[in-house]
């Protein structure tokens, strides 16, 4: 169990992750200029009958662009919170980001963490606001998703946030083809590497590839010795592999902290606890 822990406002659930497996599908497309990032992503996924998915987005641009940074909580309730909204004037160029697709209040909804270059040349990272941010130049997008699981954003008693979590939707079709794919959510204070390995063992996966992945950690400890000593962060997965027997697991991330510092690297096992939540899509190797 990691030494760094955050007290959450509600009771801790006994089960420290939620996960369900379905038959995976993948495809690529460009996000259409003139649409919000939420609509540009959700239109083709709804048309494809997907209920839960992870995406990687690269290149292109936004204008207007609106985002939040991680921040310390000031309400004496939440363990962490968000900054005020940032809205740089002009066109912002996307570097790379990850997206979770699901639904909120019965409508298609996304959760996106990314890095980008602002009009003044600064490289920044954070949480992109889905309805307010508009695509100005096409963005390359790759999707991994399933039809059998819903990803639903609902109030969470433990954290007092509204958070995505997976819900079974239907049995896999007997004629469906594709790799087995897990949609999962990890709860606070769990080491992220230990958790993904436990998820693979639960579903009988000897190994799995990370597909997208969005969440938060209580700071970070990287294999190269770099440390992030902060509470609130925004994180997305950039690479790695999961081995259920721990022999070959590695997890690579990009992170931004409350000061706006961006770090990237491979995480240390056993010392990288989840802050609020971590949303995952794991494809069987």
Protein backbone atom coordinates (compact mmCIF):
# COMPACT_ATOMS: atom_id res chain seq x y z
CA UNK A 1 0.00 0.00 0.00
CA UNK A 2 1.47 3.41 -0.93
CA UNK A 3 2.48 5.68 1.96
CA UNK A 4 0.89 8.76 0.37
CA UNK A 5 -2.85 8.80 1.05
CA UNK A 6 -5.63 11.37 0.86
CA UNK A 7 -8.58 11.41 3.20
CA UNK A 8 -11.78 11.32 1.14
CA UNK A 9 -15.07 12.79 2.39
CA UNK A 10 -17.17 9.64 2.08
CA UNK A 11 -16.93 6.00 3.14
CA UNK A 12 -14.42 3.87 1.26
CA UNK A 13 -15.88 1.09 -0.86
CA UNK A 14 -14.59 -2.39 -0.08
CA UNK A 15 -13.97 -3.11 -3.76
CA UNK A 16 -11.19 -0.77 -4.87
CA UNK A 17 -11.81 -1.02 -8.58
CA UNK A 18 -14.72 -1.68 -10.93
CA UNK A 19 -14.06 -3.59 -14.16
CA UNK A 20 -15.96 -5.46 -16.86
CA UNK A 21 -14.81 -7.12 -20.09
CA UNK A 22 -16.29 -7.02 -23.58
CA UNK A 23 -15.23 -7.51 -27.19
CA UNK A 24 -13.02 -4.67 -28.36
CA UNK A 25 -13.27 -2.68 -31.56
CA UNK A 26 -10.90 -0.02 -32.88
CA UNK A 27 -11.06 2.57 -35.64
CA UNK A 28 -9.69 6.00 -36.50
CA UNK A 29 -11.14 9.28 -37.75
CA UNK A 30 -10.51 13.03 -37.69
CA UNK A 31 -12.38 15.37 -35.36
CA UNK A 32 -14.44 17.75 -37.48
CA UNK A 33 -13.71 21.51 -37.26
CA UNK A 34 -16.56 23.70 -36.13
CA UNK A 35 -17.85 21.23 -33.54
CA UNK A 36 -17.22 21.12 -29.80
CA UNK A 37 -14.71 18.45 -28.86
CA UNK A 38 -17.55 16.63 -27.09
CA UNK A 39 -19.75 16.53 -30.19
CA UNK A 40 -16.89 15.84 -32.61
CA UNK A 41 -15.95 12.74 -30.60
CA UNK A 42 -19.36 11.46 -29.59
CA UNK A 43 -21.11 11.65 -33.00
CA UNK A 44 -19.08 8.85 -34.65
CA UNK A 45 -18.96 6.75 -31.48
CA UNK A 46 -22.73 6.87 -31.03
CA UNK A 47 -23.13 6.00 -34.73
CA UNK A 48 -20.82 3.00 -34.15
CA UNK A 49 -23.05 1.86 -31.26
CA UNK A 50 -20.24 2.14 -28.70
CA UNK A 51 -21.16 2.70 -25.07
CA UNK A 52 -17.68 2.97 -23.56
CA UNK A 53 -14.36 3.83 -25.18
CA UNK A 54 -10.89 5.25 -24.74
CA UNK A 55 -9.34 7.54 -27.34
CA UNK A 56 -5.96 9.02 -28.19
CA UNK A 57 -6.05 12.43 -29.93
CA UNK A 58 -3.08 14.09 -31.68
CA UNK A 59 -2.35 17.18 -33.74
CA UNK A 60 -4.84 19.76 -34.96
CA UNK A 61 -6.01 22.76 -33.02
CA UNK A 62 -8.75 24.44 -30.95
CA UNK A 63 -10.34 27.89 -31.07
CA UNK A 64 -11.88 28.87 -28.76
CA UNK A 65 -10.16 26.77 -26.13
CA UNK A 66 -11.10 26.40 -22.46
CA UNK A 67 -9.49 24.24 -19.78
CA UNK A 68 -8.97 23.62 -16.07
CA UNK A 69 -5.88 22.85 -14.03
CA UNK A 70 -5.68 20.64 -10.95
CA UNK A 71 -5.95 22.61 -7.72
CA UNK A 72 -6.04 22.15 -3.99
CA UNK A 73 -9.46 22.01 -2.39
CA UNK A 74 -10.74 25.06 -0.53
CA UNK A 75 -14.21 23.80 0.43
CA UNK A 76 -13.27 21.56 3.38
CA UNK A 77 -14.99 18.68 1.61
CA UNK A 78 -13.18 17.44 -1.49
CA UNK A 79 -9.66 15.99 -1.27
CA UNK A 80 -8.68 17.99 -4.37
CA UNK A 81 -10.40 20.31 -6.82
CA UNK A 82 -10.08 22.32 -10.05
CA UNK A 83 -8.73 25.76 -10.90
CA UNK A 84 -10.77 28.54 -12.43
CA UNK A 85 -11.23 28.27 -16.21
CA UNK A 86 -8.35 29.30 -18.47
CA UNK A 87 -9.28 30.60 -21.95
CA UNK A 88 -6.22 31.62 -24.01
CA UNK A 89 -7.06 33.97 -26.89
CA UNK A 90 -6.30 32.68 -30.38
CA UNK A 91 -5.69 29.17 -31.69
CA UNK A 92 -4.21 26.49 -29.42
CA UNK A 93 -2.33 23.60 -31.04
CA UNK A 94 -2.91 20.14 -29.57
CA UNK A 95 0.09 17.91 -28.91
CA UNK A 96 -1.49 14.75 -27.54
CA UNK A 97 -4.27 13.73 -25.20
CA UNK A 98 -6.44 10.87 -23.98
CA UNK A 99 -10.21 10.79 -23.75
CA UNK A 100 -12.75 8.63 -21.91
CA UNK A 101 -16.09 8.34 -23.71
CA UNK A 102 -19.36 7.47 -22.02
CA UNK A 103 -22.51 9.22 -20.88
CA UNK A 104 -23.64 11.76 -18.31
CA UNK A 105 -27.27 12.61 -17.51
CA UNK A 106 -28.33 10.38 -20.39
CA UNK A 107 -26.26 12.23 -23.02
CA UNK A 108 -22.90 11.33 -24.62
CA UNK A 109 -20.02 12.83 -22.65
CA UNK A 110 -16.21 12.84 -22.59
CA UNK A 111 -13.39 13.34 -20.09
CA UNK A 112 -10.15 14.62 -21.66
CA UNK A 113 -6.61 15.29 -20.37
CA UNK A 114 -3.98 16.57 -22.81
CA UNK A 115 -0.92 18.69 -23.56
CA UNK A 116 -0.95 21.61 -26.00
CA UNK A 117 0.87 24.72 -27.19
CA UNK A 118 -0.93 27.99 -26.46
CA UNK A 119 -0.87 30.97 -28.86
CA UNK A 120 1.97 32.61 -26.92
CA UNK A 121 4.13 29.48 -27.34
CA UNK A 122 3.72 28.09 -23.83
CA UNK A 123 3.35 24.33 -23.43
CA UNK A 124 0.54 23.55 -20.99
CA UNK A 125 -1.56 20.62 -19.85
CA UNK A 126 -4.80 19.94 -18.01
CA UNK A 127 -8.46 19.06 -18.31
CA UNK A 128 -10.16 20.25 -21.52
CA UNK A 129 -13.73 21.52 -21.09
CA UNK A 130 -15.78 19.39 -23.49
CA UNK A 131 -18.71 21.59 -24.52
CA UNK A 132 -16.95 24.95 -24.56
CA UNK A 133 -13.87 23.93 -26.60
CA UNK A 134 -14.25 24.00 -30.41
CA UNK A 135 -12.18 22.12 -33.00
CA UNK A 136 -10.51 24.59 -35.42
CA UNK A 137 -8.22 22.18 -37.31
CA UNK A 138 -8.80 18.41 -37.77
CA UNK A 139 -7.48 16.23 -34.95
CA UNK A 140 -6.33 12.66 -35.54
CA UNK A 141 -8.24 10.25 -33.32
CA UNK A 142 -7.93 6.54 -32.55
CA UNK A 143 -10.67 4.75 -30.63
CA UNK A 144 -10.75 1.51 -28.65
CA UNK A 145 -14.20 0.65 -27.37
CA UNK A 146 -16.87 -1.89 -26.56
CA UNK A 147 -20.62 -2.19 -26.98
CA UNK A 148 -21.26 -4.48 -23.99
CA UNK A 149 -20.28 -1.99 -21.25
CA UNK A 150 -21.53 1.50 -20.47
CA UNK A 151 -19.23 4.13 -18.96
CA UNK A 152 -21.52 6.30 -16.86
CA UNK A 153 -20.63 9.55 -15.06
CA UNK A 154 -22.53 9.62 -11.75
CA UNK A 155 -22.14 11.04 -8.23
CA UNK A 156 -19.60 9.08 -6.19
CA UNK A 157 -20.14 8.95 -2.42
CA UNK A 158 -16.49 8.29 -1.50
CA UNK A 159 -15.01 11.31 -3.29
CA UNK A 160 -18.07 13.61 -3.59
CA UNK A 161 -17.22 14.00 -7.29
CA UNK A 162 -19.28 13.02 -10.32
CA UNK A 163 -17.12 10.30 -11.86
CA UNK A 164 -17.13 7.81 -14.72
CA UNK A 165 -17.53 4.17 -13.77
CA UNK A 166 -18.27 1.06 -15.88
CA UNK A 167 -21.66 -0.67 -15.86
CA UNK A 168 -22.52 -3.95 -17.63
CA UNK A 169 -24.89 -3.36 -20.55
CA UNK A 170 -25.36 -6.60 -22.48
CA UNK A 171 -23.78 -9.98 -23.12
CA UNK A 172 -21.15 -10.16 -25.86
CA UNK A 173 -22.50 -11.34 -29.19
CA UNK A 174 -21.63 -14.93 -30.06
CA UNK A 175 -20.50 -13.77 -33.50
CA UNK A 176 -18.48 -10.76 -32.35
CA UNK A 177 -14.77 -10.83 -33.13
CA UNK A 178 -11.97 -8.77 -31.65
CA UNK A 179 -9.69 -8.75 -28.63
CA UNK A 180 -11.15 -9.03 -25.15
CA UNK A 181 -11.14 -5.52 -23.70
CA UNK A 182 -11.63 -4.33 -20.12
CA UNK A 183 -13.24 -1.03 -19.16
CA UNK A 184 -12.29 -0.14 -15.58
CA UNK A 185 -12.16 2.53 -12.92
CA UNK A 186 -9.70 2.52 -9.97
CA UNK A 187 -10.65 4.18 -6.69
CA UNK A 188 -8.56 6.56 -4.54
CA UNK A 189 -5.38 5.64 -2.67
CA UNK A 190 -4.74 2.45 -4.68
CA UNK A 191 -1.35 2.06 -6.36
CA UNK A 192 -2.13 2.26 -10.05
CA UNK A 193 0.29 -0.49 -11.13
CA UNK A 194 -0.89 -2.94 -8.47
CA UNK A 195 -4.47 -2.15 -9.47
CA UNK A 196 -4.08 -2.76 -13.21
CA UNK A 197 -2.35 -6.06 -12.55
CA UNK A 198 -5.17 -7.11 -10.21
CA UNK A 199 -7.73 -6.15 -12.86
CA UNK A 200 -5.96 -8.35 -15.43
CA UNK A 201 -5.88 -11.29 -13.02
CA UNK A 202 -9.59 -10.88 -12.27
CA UNK A 203 -10.42 -11.27 -15.95
CA UNK A 204 -7.88 -13.99 -16.73
CA UNK A 205 -5.60 -11.78 -18.84
CA UNK A 206 -1.95 -12.87 -18.80
CA UNK A 207 -1.08 -9.48 -20.28
CA UNK A 208 -2.71 -6.37 -21.70
CA UNK A 209 -1.99 -3.17 -23.57
CA UNK A 210 -3.03 0.21 -22.19
CA UNK A 211 -5.43 1.94 -24.56
CA UNK A 212 -5.78 5.58 -23.60
CA UNK A 213 -6.35 6.11 -19.90
CA UNK A 214 -7.24 9.25 -17.91
CA UNK A 215 -6.97 9.92 -14.18
CA UNK A 216 -5.18 11.57 -11.27
CA UNK A 217 -2.40 10.54 -8.91
CA UNK A 218 -1.15 11.88 -5.57
CA UNK A 219 2.01 13.31 -7.07
CA UNK A 220 4.35 10.82 -8.77
CA UNK A 221 7.47 8.72 -8.33
CA UNK A 222 9.27 7.95 -11.60
CA UNK A 223 11.82 5.24 -12.29
CA UNK A 224 14.48 7.83 -13.18
CA UNK A 225 14.25 9.28 -9.66
CA UNK A 226 12.07 12.27 -10.57
CA UNK A 227 9.49 13.10 -7.88
CA UNK A 228 6.34 15.17 -8.03
CA UNK A 229 5.39 16.26 -4.51
CA UNK A 230 1.87 17.53 -5.03
CA UNK A 231 -1.62 16.38 -4.17
CA UNK A 232 -3.80 17.28 -7.13
CA UNK A 233 -2.65 16.25 -10.61
CA UNK A 234 -4.11 15.52 -14.04
CA UNK A 235 -2.66 12.45 -15.76
CA UNK A 236 -2.93 10.57 -19.03
CA UNK A 237 -1.24 7.31 -20.04
CA UNK A 238 1.23 7.48 -22.93
CA UNK A 239 2.47 3.88 -23.09
CA UNK A 240 3.26 0.67 -21.31
CA UNK A 241 2.21 -2.93 -20.87
CA UNK A 242 0.58 -4.94 -18.10
CA UNK A 243 1.80 -8.36 -17.05
CA UNK A 244 -0.55 -10.09 -14.61
CA UNK A 245 2.42 -11.84 -12.95
CA UNK A 246 4.24 -8.47 -12.60
CA UNK A 247 7.19 -9.67 -14.69
CA UNK A 248 6.97 -7.08 -17.45
CA UNK A 249 4.58 -4.34 -16.32
CA UNK A 250 5.51 -0.76 -17.11
CA UNK A 251 3.32 2.33 -17.09
CA UNK A 252 4.28 5.58 -18.83
CA UNK A 253 2.39 8.80 -18.17
CA UNK A 254 2.31 12.54 -18.66
CA UNK A 255 1.23 14.62 -15.66
CA UNK A 256 0.56 18.24 -14.76
CA UNK A 257 0.48 19.43 -11.14
CA UNK A 258 -1.12 22.43 -9.42
CA UNK A 259 1.83 24.67 -10.33
CA UNK A 260 1.52 23.86 -14.02
CA UNK A 261 4.69 21.75 -14.07
CA UNK A 262 4.52 19.00 -16.69
CA UNK A 263 6.43 15.74 -16.18
CA UNK A 264 6.55 12.50 -18.13
CA UNK A 265 8.07 9.12 -17.45
CA UNK A 266 7.72 5.54 -16.28
CA UNK A 267 6.13 5.06 -12.86
CA UNK A 268 7.64 3.21 -9.89
CA UNK A 269 5.69 0.18 -8.74
CA UNK A 270 3.92 0.42 -5.37
CA UNK A 271 4.34 4.16 -4.82
CA UNK A 272 1.86 5.91 -7.12
CA UNK A 273 -1.57 6.08 -5.49
CA UNK A 274 -4.67 7.32 -7.28
CA UNK A 275 -5.87 10.74 -6.13
CA UNK A 276 -9.56 10.79 -7.13
CA UNK A 277 -10.06 8.23 -9.91
CA UNK A 278 -8.37 6.50 -12.84
CA UNK A 279 -10.29 5.43 -15.96
CA UNK A 280 -8.80 2.58 -18.00
CA UNK A 281 -9.22 0.59 -21.19
CA UNK A 282 -7.11 -2.58 -21.27
CA UNK A 283 -6.82 -4.71 -24.41
CA UNK A 284 -5.75 -8.34 -24.00
CA UNK A 285 -2.27 -8.96 -25.38
